[in-house]
PDB file of all heavy atoms in Angstrom:
ATOM      1  N   SER A   1     147.189  85.412 -49.727  1.00  0.00           N
ATOM      2  CA  SER A   1     147.089  85.137 -51.089  1.00  0.00           C
ATOM      3  C   SER A   1     148.270  85.635 -51.827  1.00  0.00           C
ATOM      4  O   SER A   1     149.139  86.361 -51.310  1.00  0.00           O
ATOM      5  CB  SER A   1     145.793  85.796 -51.688  1.00  0.00           C
ATOM      6  OG  SER A   1     145.921  87.189 -51.670  1.00  0.00           O
ATOM      7  N   GLY A   2     148.460  84.981 -53.043  1.00  0.00           N
ATOM      8  CA  GLY A   2     149.611  85.355 -53.845  1.00  0.00           C
ATOM      9  C   GLY A   2     150.714  84.391 -54.020  1.00  0.00           C
ATOM     10  O   GLY A   2     151.644  84.646 -54.867  1.00  0.00           O
ATOM     11  N   GLY A   3     150.596  83.269 -53.301  1.00  0.00           N
ATOM     12  CA  GLY A   3     151.647  82.257 -53.503  1.00  0.00           C
ATOM     13  C   GLY A   3     151.581  81.610 -54.885  1.00  0.00           C
ATOM     14  O   GLY A   3     150.594  81.717 -55.571  1.00  0.00           O
ATOM     15  N   GLY A   4     152.577  80.745 -55.101  1.00  0.00           N
ATOM     16  CA  GLY A   4     152.442  79.941 -56.331  1.00  0.00           C
ATOM     17  C   GLY A   4     153.850  79.392 -56.767  1.00  0.00           C
ATOM     18  O   GLY A   4     154.830  79.515 -56.007  1.00  0.00           O
ATOM     19  N   LEU A   5     153.901  78.980 -58.030  1.00  0.00           N
ATOM     20  CA  LEU A   5     155.115  78.402 -58.627  1.00  0.00           C
ATOM     21  C   LEU A   5     155.629  79.591 -59.512  1.00  0.00           C
ATOM     22  O   LEU A   5     155.030  80.077 -60.371  1.00  0.00           O
ATOM     23  CB  LEU A   5     154.772  77.093 -59.363  1.00  0.00           C
ATOM     24  CG  LEU A   5     155.994  76.604 -60.209  1.00  0.00           C
ATOM     25  CD1 LEU A   5     157.109  76.135 -59.369  1.00  0.00           C
ATOM     26  CD2 LEU A   5     155.358  75.421 -61.059  1.00  0.00           C
ATOM     27  N   VAL A   6     156.988  79.865 -59.303  1.00  0.00           N
ATOM     28  CA  VAL A   6     157.605  80.807 -60.182  1.00  0.00           C
ATOM     29  C   VAL A   6     159.091  80.360 -60.542  1.00  0.00           C
ATOM     30  O   VAL A   6     159.581  79.573 -59.715  1.00  0.00           O
ATOM     31  CB  VAL A   6     157.640  82.199 -59.564  1.00  0.00           C
ATOM     32  CG1 VAL A   6     158.472  82.121 -58.247  1.00  0.00           C
ATOM     33  CG2 VAL A   6     158.126  83.253 -60.493  1.00  0.00           C
ATOM     34  N   GLN A   7     159.626  80.757 -61.690  1.00  0.00           N
ATOM     35  CA  GLN A   7     160.813  80.426 -62.115  1.00  0.00           C
ATOM     36  C   GLN A   7     161.855  81.252 -61.354  1.00  0.00           C
ATOM     37  O   GLN A   7     161.665  82.361 -61.033  1.00  0.00           O
ATOM     38  CB  GLN A   7     161.045  80.498 -63.628  1.00  0.00           C
ATOM     39  CG  GLN A   7     160.246  79.539 -64.392  1.00  0.00           C
ATOM     40  CD  GLN A   7     160.505  79.629 -65.906  1.00  0.00           C
ATOM     41  OE1 GLN A   7     161.114  80.590 -66.446  1.00  0.00           O
ATOM     42  NE2 GLN A   7     160.175  78.573 -66.596  1.00  0.00           N
ATOM     43  N   PRO A   8     163.075  80.689 -61.189  1.00  0.00           N
ATOM     44  CA  PRO A   8     164.202  81.582 -60.555  1.00  0.00           C
ATOM     45  C   PRO A   8     164.388  82.924 -61.333  1.00  0.00           C
ATOM     46  O   PRO A   8     164.300  82.932 -62.662  1.00  0.00           O
ATOM     47  CB  PRO A   8     165.413  80.715 -60.793  1.00  0.00           C
ATOM     48  CG  PRO A   8     164.870  79.304 -60.750  1.00  0.00           C
ATOM     49  CD  PRO A   8     163.617  79.339 -61.454  1.00  0.00           C
ATOM     50  N   GLY A   9     164.434  83.967 -60.570  1.00  0.00           N
ATOM     51  CA  GLY A   9     164.537  85.265 -61.158  1.00  0.00           C
ATOM     52  C   GLY A   9     163.253  85.966 -61.241  1.00  0.00           C
ATOM     53  O   GLY A   9     163.210  87.122 -61.646  1.00  0.00           O
ATOM     54  N   GLY A  10     162.174  85.247 -61.046  1.00  0.00           N
ATOM     55  CA  GLY A  10     160.795  85.821 -61.271  1.00  0.00           C
ATOM     56  C   GLY A  10     160.317  86.532 -59.897  1.00  0.00           C
ATOM     57  O   GLY A  10     161.158  86.670 -58.991  1.00  0.00           O
ATOM     58  N   SER A  11     159.124  87.080 -59.950  1.00  0.00           N
ATOM     59  CA  SER A  11     158.453  87.821 -58.898  1.00  0.00           C
ATOM     60  C   SER A  11     157.206  87.256 -58.530  1.00  0.00           C
ATOM     61  O   SER A  11     156.448  86.629 -59.288  1.00  0.00           O
ATOM     62  CB  SER A  11     158.375  89.250 -59.364  1.00  0.00           C
ATOM     63  OG  SER A  11     159.655  89.839 -59.730  1.00  0.00           O
ATOM     64  N   LEU A  12     156.785  87.486 -57.366  1.00  0.00           N
ATOM     65  CA  LEU A  12     155.516  87.235 -56.686  1.00  0.00           C
ATOM     66  C   LEU A  12     155.115  88.355 -55.695  1.00  0.00           C
ATOM     67  O   LEU A  12     156.127  88.995 -55.212  1.00  0.00           O
ATOM     68  CB  LEU A  12     155.492  85.880 -55.930  1.00  0.00           C
ATOM     69  CG  LEU A  12     155.312  84.673 -56.767  1.00  0.00           C
ATOM     70  CD1 LEU A  12     155.545  83.400 -55.918  1.00  0.00           C
ATOM     71  CD2 LEU A  12     154.176  84.523 -57.621  1.00  0.00           C
ATOM     72  N   ARG A  13     153.949  88.538 -55.544  1.00  0.00           N
ATOM     73  CA  ARG A  13     153.466  89.474 -54.469  1.00  0.00           C
ATOM     74  C   ARG A  13     152.423  88.752 -53.670  1.00  0.00           C
ATOM     75  O   ARG A  13     151.369  88.330 -54.055  1.00  0.00           O
ATOM     76  CB  ARG A  13     152.819  90.707 -55.136  1.00  0.00           C
ATOM     77  CG  ARG A  13     152.476  91.934 -54.175  1.00  0.00           C
ATOM     78  CD  ARG A  13     151.617  92.885 -54.779  1.00  0.00           C
ATOM     79  NE  ARG A  13     151.475  94.084 -54.055  1.00  0.00           N
ATOM     80  CZ  ARG A  13     150.478  94.947 -53.936  1.00  0.00           C
ATOM     81  NH1 ARG A  13     149.513  94.590 -54.655  1.00  0.00           N
ATOM     82  NH2 ARG A  13     150.517  96.023 -53.260  1.00  0.00           N
ATOM     83  N   LEU A  14     152.814  88.730 -52.276  1.00  0.00           N
ATOM     84  CA  LEU A  14     151.930  88.065 -51.366  1.00  0.00           C
ATOM     85  C   LEU A  14     151.096  89.282 -50.734  1.00  0.00           C
ATOM     86  O   LEU A  14     151.508  90.294 -50.423  1.00  0.00           O
ATOM     87  CB  LEU A  14     152.766  87.374 -50.191  1.00  0.00           C
ATOM     88  CG  LEU A  14     153.681  86.270 -50.621  1.00  0.00           C
ATOM     89  CD1 LEU A  14     154.335  85.706 -49.531  1.00  0.00           C
ATOM     90  CD2 LEU A  14     152.977  85.327 -51.559  1.00  0.00           C
ATOM     91  N   SER A  15     149.910  88.821 -50.279  1.00  0.00           N
ATOM     92  CA  SER A  15     148.995  89.822 -49.607  1.00  0.00           C
ATOM     93  C   SER A  15     148.449  89.016 -48.291  1.00  0.00           C
ATOM     94  O   SER A  15     148.228  87.874 -48.353  1.00  0.00           O
ATOM     95  CB  SER A  15     147.864  90.237 -50.419  1.00  0.00           C
ATOM     96  OG  SER A  15     148.310  90.931 -51.563  1.00  0.00           O
ATOM     97  N   CYS A  16     148.136  89.791 -47.362  1.00  0.00           N
ATOM     98  CA  CYS A  16     147.655  89.219 -46.139  1.00  0.00           C
ATOM     99  C   CYS A  16     146.508  90.261 -45.573  1.00  0.00           C
ATOM    100  O   CYS A  16     146.932  91.397 -45.176  1.00  0.00           O
ATOM    101  CB  CYS A  16     148.585  88.925 -45.109  1.00  0.00           C
ATOM    102  SG  CYS A  16     147.965  88.476 -43.551  1.00  0.00           S
ATOM    103  N   ALA A  17     145.317  89.939 -45.580  1.00  0.00           N
ATOM    104  CA  ALA A  17     144.289  90.896 -45.100  1.00  0.00           C
ATOM    105  C   ALA A  17     143.772  90.485 -43.781  1.00  0.00           C
ATOM    106  O   ALA A  17     143.444  89.287 -43.572  1.00  0.00           O
ATOM    107  CB  ALA A  17     143.140  90.945 -46.164  1.00  0.00           C
ATOM    108  N   ALA A  18     143.651  91.313 -42.836  1.00  0.00           N
ATOM    109  CA  ALA A  18     143.203  90.997 -41.450  1.00  0.00           C
ATOM    110  C   ALA A  18     141.887  91.575 -41.365  1.00  0.00           C
ATOM    111  O   ALA A  18     141.385  92.576 -41.819  1.00  0.00           O
ATOM    112  CB  ALA A  18     144.207  91.685 -40.549  1.00  0.00           C
ATOM    113  N   SER A  19     140.972  90.713 -40.609  1.00  0.00           N
ATOM    114  CA  SER A  19     139.540  91.116 -40.375  1.00  0.00           C
ATOM    115  C   SER A  19     139.248  90.761 -38.858  1.00  0.00           C
ATOM    116  O   SER A  19     140.013  89.890 -38.326  1.00  0.00           O
ATOM    117  CB  SER A  19     138.643  90.509 -41.358  1.00  0.00           C
ATOM    118  OG  SER A  19     138.721  89.123 -41.255  1.00  0.00           O
ATOM    119  N   GLY A  20     138.177  91.365 -38.419  1.00  0.00           N
ATOM    120  CA  GLY A  20     137.632  90.936 -37.106  1.00  0.00           C
ATOM    121  C   GLY A  20     138.264  91.809 -35.934  1.00  0.00           C
ATOM    122  O   GLY A  20     138.172  91.429 -34.774  1.00  0.00           O
ATOM    123  N   THR A  21     138.802  93.000 -36.298  1.00  0.00           N
ATOM    124  CA  THR A  21     139.250  93.860 -35.295  1.00  0.00           C
ATOM    125  C   THR A  21     138.989  95.221 -35.680  1.00  0.00           C
ATOM    126  O   THR A  21     139.145  95.515 -36.879  1.00  0.00           O
ATOM    127  CB  THR A  21     140.847  93.594 -35.031  1.00  0.00           C
ATOM    128  OG1 THR A  21     141.287  94.623 -34.018  1.00  0.00           O
ATOM    129  CG2 THR A  21     141.645  93.805 -36.362  1.00  0.00           C
ATOM    130  N   SER A  22     138.640  95.976 -34.747  1.00  0.00           N
ATOM    131  CA  SER A  22     138.595  97.455 -34.847  1.00  0.00           C
ATOM    132  C   SER A  22     139.709  98.183 -34.263  1.00  0.00           C
ATOM    133  O   SER A  22     139.802  99.461 -34.361  1.00  0.00           O
ATOM    134  CB  SER A  22     137.166  97.985 -34.229  1.00  0.00           C
ATOM    135  OG  SER A  22     137.262  97.634 -32.857  1.00  0.00           O
ATOM    136  N   SER A  23     140.684  97.534 -33.673  1.00  0.00           N
ATOM    137  CA  SER A  23     141.849  98.122 -33.152  1.00  0.00           C
ATOM    138  C   SER A  23     142.814  98.272 -34.137  1.00  0.00           C
ATOM    139  O   SER A  23     142.904  97.576 -35.160  1.00  0.00           O
ATOM    140  CB  SER A  23     142.380  97.241 -32.016  1.00  0.00           C
ATOM    141  OG  SER A  23     141.374  96.940 -30.949  1.00  0.00           O
ATOM    142  N   ARG A  24     143.730  99.272 -33.943  1.00  0.00           N
ATOM    143  CA  ARG A  24     144.837  99.477 -34.808  1.00  0.00           C
ATOM    144  C   ARG A  24     145.805  98.398 -34.632  1.00  0.00           C
ATOM    145  O   ARG A  24     146.167  97.940 -33.592  1.00  0.00           O
ATOM    146  CB  ARG A  24     145.491 100.865 -34.543  1.00  0.00           C
ATOM    147  CG  ARG A  24     144.750 102.038 -34.799  1.00  0.00           C
ATOM    148  CD  ARG A  24     145.525 103.317 -34.677  1.00  0.00           C
ATOM    149  NE  ARG A  24     146.558 103.541 -35.758  1.00  0.00           N
ATOM    150  CZ  ARG A  24     147.413 104.441 -35.685  1.00  0.00           C
ATOM    151  NH1 ARG A  24     147.347 105.401 -34.782  1.00  0.00           N
ATOM    152  NH2 ARG A  24     148.357 104.626 -36.684  1.00  0.00           N
ATOM    153  N   ILE A  25     146.277  97.966 -35.839  1.00  0.00           N
ATOM    154  CA  ILE A  25     147.279  96.866 -35.790  1.00  0.00           C
ATOM    155  C   ILE A  25     148.633  97.369 -35.625  1.00  0.00           C
ATOM    156  O   ILE A  25     149.020  98.415 -36.156  1.00  0.00           O
ATOM    157  CB  ILE A  25     147.192  96.033 -37.142  1.00  0.00           C
ATOM    158  CG1 ILE A  25     145.888  95.418 -37.403  1.00  0.00           C
ATOM    159  CG2 ILE A  25     148.272  95.005 -37.220  1.00  0.00           C
ATOM    160  CD1 ILE A  25     145.585  94.775 -38.694  1.00  0.00           C
ATOM    161  N   ASN A  26     149.407  96.701 -34.758  1.00  0.00           N
ATOM    162  CA  ASN A  26     150.784  97.175 -34.523  1.00  0.00           C
ATOM    163  C   ASN A  26     151.552  96.575 -35.527  1.00  0.00           C
ATOM    164  O   ASN A  26     151.562  96.890 -36.739  1.00  0.00           O
ATOM    165  CB  ASN A  26     151.203  96.749 -33.038  1.00  0.00           C
ATOM    166  CG  ASN A  26     150.376  97.492 -32.114  1.00  0.00           C
ATOM    167  OD1 ASN A  26     150.127  98.759 -32.133  1.00  0.00           O
ATOM    168  ND2 ASN A  26     149.918  96.802 -31.058  1.00  0.00           N
TER     169      ASN A  26
END
């Protein structure tokens, strides 16, 4: 999540949530 349209010089923050694992993510 977090994508979109932004003007030059602007900011965005992307997020990525992982599910379906009980193992530690490398």
